[in-house]
Amino acid sequence: MKVFINGKPDELDEVMTIARLLERRKARPEIVSVEVNDRILQREEYAKTILREGDAVEIVFFMGGGREA
């Protein structure tokens, strides 16, 4: 099944949820935000949202740091 992750095509060899996709990519759910087909998901939805052919997934990692005032 072909999906797009962060704008790049990816071939999935099994049906999977967002939670499984994050696990496969070694991404911790507590430090990412996920959007599927322009819809931001709540973390509770990761385990029940099943990817389908052609889905566009954006995974955004939260980064800490910056300058002190």
N, C-alpha and C. Protein backbone atom coordinates (compact mmCIF):
# COMPACT_ATOMS: atom_id res chain seq x y z
N MET A 1 0.84 -1.16 0.00
CA MET A 1 0.00 0.00 0.00
C MET A 1 0.89 1.23 0.00
N LYS A 2 0.60 2.17 -0.88
CA LYS A 2 1.40 3.38 -0.98
C LYS A 2 0.73 4.52 -0.20
N VAL A 3 1.52 5.15 0.67
CA VAL A 3 1.09 6.35 1.40
C VAL A 3 2.19 7.39 1.24
N PHE A 4 1.91 8.59 1.68
CA PHE A 4 2.90 9.66 1.63
C PHE A 4 3.17 10.12 3.05
N ILE A 5 4.43 10.09 3.45
CA ILE A 5 4.81 10.49 4.80
C ILE A 5 5.75 11.67 4.70
N ASN A 6 5.30 12.78 5.26
CA ASN A 6 6.04 14.04 5.18
C ASN A 6 6.41 14.37 3.74
N GLY A 7 5.44 14.15 2.85
CA GLY A 7 5.60 14.51 1.45
C GLY A 7 6.32 13.50 0.58
N LYS A 8 6.81 12.42 1.17
CA LYS A 8 7.57 11.42 0.40
C LYS A 8 6.78 10.11 0.33
N PRO A 9 6.79 9.46 -0.84
CA PRO A 9 6.08 8.19 -0.95
C PRO A 9 6.72 7.11 -0.08
N ASP A 10 5.88 6.27 0.50
CA ASP A 10 6.35 5.16 1.32
C ASP A 10 5.45 3.97 1.03
N GLU A 11 6.04 2.82 0.93
CA GLU A 11 5.31 1.58 0.63
C GLU A 11 5.16 0.80 1.94
N LEU A 12 3.93 0.54 2.35
CA LEU A 12 3.67 -0.24 3.56
C LEU A 12 3.30 -1.65 3.14
N ASP A 13 3.92 -2.63 3.77
CA ASP A 13 3.67 -4.02 3.40
C ASP A 13 2.57 -4.67 4.23
N GLU A 14 1.96 -3.89 5.12
CA GLU A 14 0.89 -4.42 5.95
C GLU A 14 -0.08 -3.28 6.29
N VAL A 15 -1.29 -3.65 6.64
CA VAL A 15 -2.25 -2.67 7.13
C VAL A 15 -1.77 -2.23 8.50
N MET A 16 -1.74 -0.93 8.74
CA MET A 16 -1.26 -0.48 10.03
C MET A 16 -1.96 0.79 10.50
N THR A 17 -1.91 0.95 11.80
CA THR A 17 -2.46 2.15 12.43
C THR A 17 -1.35 3.20 12.52
N ILE A 18 -1.75 4.40 12.87
CA ILE A 18 -0.77 5.46 13.11
C ILE A 18 0.17 5.05 14.25
N ALA A 19 -0.37 4.44 15.29
CA ALA A 19 0.47 4.00 16.42
C ALA A 19 1.55 3.03 15.93
N ARG A 20 1.20 2.09 15.08
CA ARG A 20 2.17 1.12 14.54
C ARG A 20 3.19 1.81 13.64
N LEU A 21 2.72 2.78 12.85
CA LEU A 21 3.63 3.52 11.98
C LEU A 21 4.66 4.27 12.81
N LEU A 22 4.23 4.92 13.88
CA LEU A 22 5.16 5.64 14.74
C LEU A 22 6.15 4.68 15.38
N GLU A 23 5.66 3.52 15.82
CA GLU A 23 6.54 2.51 16.40
C GLU A 23 7.58 2.05 15.38
N ARG A 24 7.13 1.80 14.16
CA ARG A 24 8.02 1.35 13.08
C ARG A 24 9.10 2.39 12.79
N ARG A 25 8.73 3.68 12.90
CA ARG A 25 9.69 4.75 12.62
C ARG A 25 10.44 5.20 13.87
N LYS A 26 10.23 4.49 14.97
CA LYS A 26 10.88 4.79 16.25
C LYS A 26 10.60 6.23 16.71
N ALA A 27 9.35 6.66 16.53
CA ALA A 27 8.92 7.99 16.94
C ALA A 27 8.04 7.85 18.18
N ARG A 28 8.39 8.56 19.23
CA ARG A 28 7.62 8.50 20.47
C ARG A 28 6.36 9.36 20.34
N PRO A 29 5.18 8.77 20.55
CA PRO A 29 3.91 9.49 20.38
C PRO A 29 3.80 10.76 21.22
N GLU A 30 4.45 10.77 22.38
CA GLU A 30 4.33 11.93 23.27
C GLU A 30 5.12 13.15 22.78
N ILE A 31 5.98 12.99 21.78
CA ILE A 31 6.75 14.15 21.30
C ILE A 31 6.48 14.46 19.83
N VAL A 32 5.38 13.91 19.29
CA VAL A 32 5.02 14.22 17.90
C VAL A 32 3.56 14.65 17.81
N SER A 33 3.28 15.30 16.72
CA SER A 33 1.91 15.60 16.33
C SER A 33 1.72 14.98 14.96
N VAL A 34 0.55 14.37 14.74
CA VAL A 34 0.31 13.67 13.48
C VAL A 34 -0.93 14.23 12.80
N GLU A 35 -0.78 14.44 11.50
CA GLU A 35 -1.88 14.91 10.66
C GLU A 35 -2.07 13.87 9.56
N VAL A 36 -3.32 13.50 9.31
CA VAL A 36 -3.62 12.57 8.22
C VAL A 36 -4.64 13.25 7.31
N ASN A 37 -4.26 13.41 6.06
CA ASN A 37 -5.14 14.05 5.07
C ASN A 37 -5.68 15.39 5.58
N ASP A 38 -4.77 16.23 6.07
CA ASP A 38 -5.07 17.58 6.53
C ASP A 38 -5.90 17.64 7.82
N ARG A 39 -5.97 16.55 8.55
CA ARG A 39 -6.69 16.53 9.82
C ARG A 39 -5.73 16.15 10.94
N ILE A 40 -5.59 17.03 11.93
CA ILE A 40 -4.71 16.76 13.07
C ILE A 40 -5.41 15.75 13.98
N LEU A 41 -4.68 14.69 14.33
CA LEU A 41 -5.24 13.65 15.19
C LEU A 41 -4.93 13.93 16.65
N GLN A 42 -5.84 13.52 17.50
CA GLN A 42 -5.58 13.49 18.94
C GLN A 42 -4.78 12.23 19.22
N ARG A 43 -3.94 12.24 20.23
CA ARG A 43 -3.11 11.06 20.52
C ARG A 43 -3.95 9.81 20.75
N GLU A 44 -5.14 9.98 21.32
CA GLU A 44 -6.02 8.84 21.58
C GLU A 44 -6.46 8.16 20.28
N GLU A 45 -6.37 8.87 19.16
CA GLU A 45 -6.79 8.33 17.87
C GLU A 45 -5.70 7.51 17.18
N TYR A 46 -4.46 7.62 17.62
CA TYR A 46 -3.36 6.95 16.93
C TYR A 46 -3.57 5.44 16.82
N ALA A 47 -4.05 4.81 17.89
CA ALA A 47 -4.20 3.35 17.90
C ALA A 47 -5.38 2.86 17.06
N LYS A 48 -6.33 3.74 16.77
CA LYS A 48 -7.50 3.28 16.01
C LYS A 48 -7.60 3.86 14.60
N THR A 49 -6.66 4.73 14.22
CA THR A 49 -6.67 5.30 12.88
C THR A 49 -5.85 4.41 11.95
N ILE A 50 -6.55 3.75 11.02
CA ILE A 50 -5.91 2.83 10.09
C ILE A 50 -5.57 3.56 8.80
N LEU A 51 -4.34 3.40 8.35
CA LEU A 51 -3.91 4.03 7.11
C LEU A 51 -4.52 3.33 5.91
N ARG A 52 -4.83 4.13 4.89
CA ARG A 52 -5.43 3.61 3.66
C ARG A 52 -4.58 4.07 2.47
N GLU A 53 -4.72 3.36 1.38
CA GLU A 53 -4.01 3.67 0.14
C GLU A 53 -4.11 5.17 -0.18
N GLY A 54 -2.95 5.80 -0.41
CA GLY A 54 -2.92 7.19 -0.82
C GLY A 54 -2.98 8.21 0.29
N ASP A 55 -3.10 7.78 1.54
CA ASP A 55 -3.17 8.73 2.65
C ASP A 55 -1.90 9.58 2.71
N ALA A 56 -2.09 10.84 3.09
CA ALA A 56 -0.97 11.76 3.29
C ALA A 56 -0.82 11.98 4.79
N VAL A 57 0.35 11.59 5.31
CA VAL A 57 0.62 11.68 6.74
C VAL A 57 1.75 12.68 6.96
N GLU A 58 1.53 13.58 7.90
CA GLU A 58 2.59 14.50 8.31
C GLU A 58 2.89 14.21 9.77
N ILE A 59 4.15 13.96 10.08
CA ILE A 59 4.60 13.72 11.44
C ILE A 59 5.52 14.88 11.82
N VAL A 60 5.12 15.63 12.82
CA VAL A 60 5.88 16.79 13.27
C VAL A 60 6.46 16.51 14.64
N PHE A 61 7.77 16.66 14.77
CA PHE A 61 8.45 16.44 16.05
C PHE A 61 8.56 17.77 16.79
N PHE A 62 8.27 17.75 18.09
CA PHE A 62 8.43 18.94 18.92
C PHE A 62 9.88 19.03 19.35
N MET A 63 10.43 20.21 19.24
CA MET A 63 11.83 20.45 19.60
C MET A 63 11.89 21.47 20.72
N GLY A 64 12.72 21.22 21.70
CA GLY A 64 12.92 22.16 22.79
C GLY A 64 14.14 23.01 22.53
N GLY A 65 14.32 23.99 23.35
CA GLY A 65 15.52 24.81 23.24
C GLY A 65 15.20 26.23 22.83
N GLY A 66 16.18 26.89 22.36
CA GLY A 66 16.01 28.29 21.98
C GLY A 66 16.87 29.19 22.85
N ARG A 67 16.64 30.46 22.71
CA ARG A 67 17.43 31.43 23.47
C ARG A 67 16.72 31.80 24.77
N GLU A 68 17.52 32.13 25.75
CA GLU A 68 16.96 32.65 27.00
C GLU A 68 16.78 34.14 26.86
N ALA A 69 15.77 34.65 27.51
CA ALA A 69 15.48 36.10 27.45
C ALA A 69 16.39 36.87 28.36
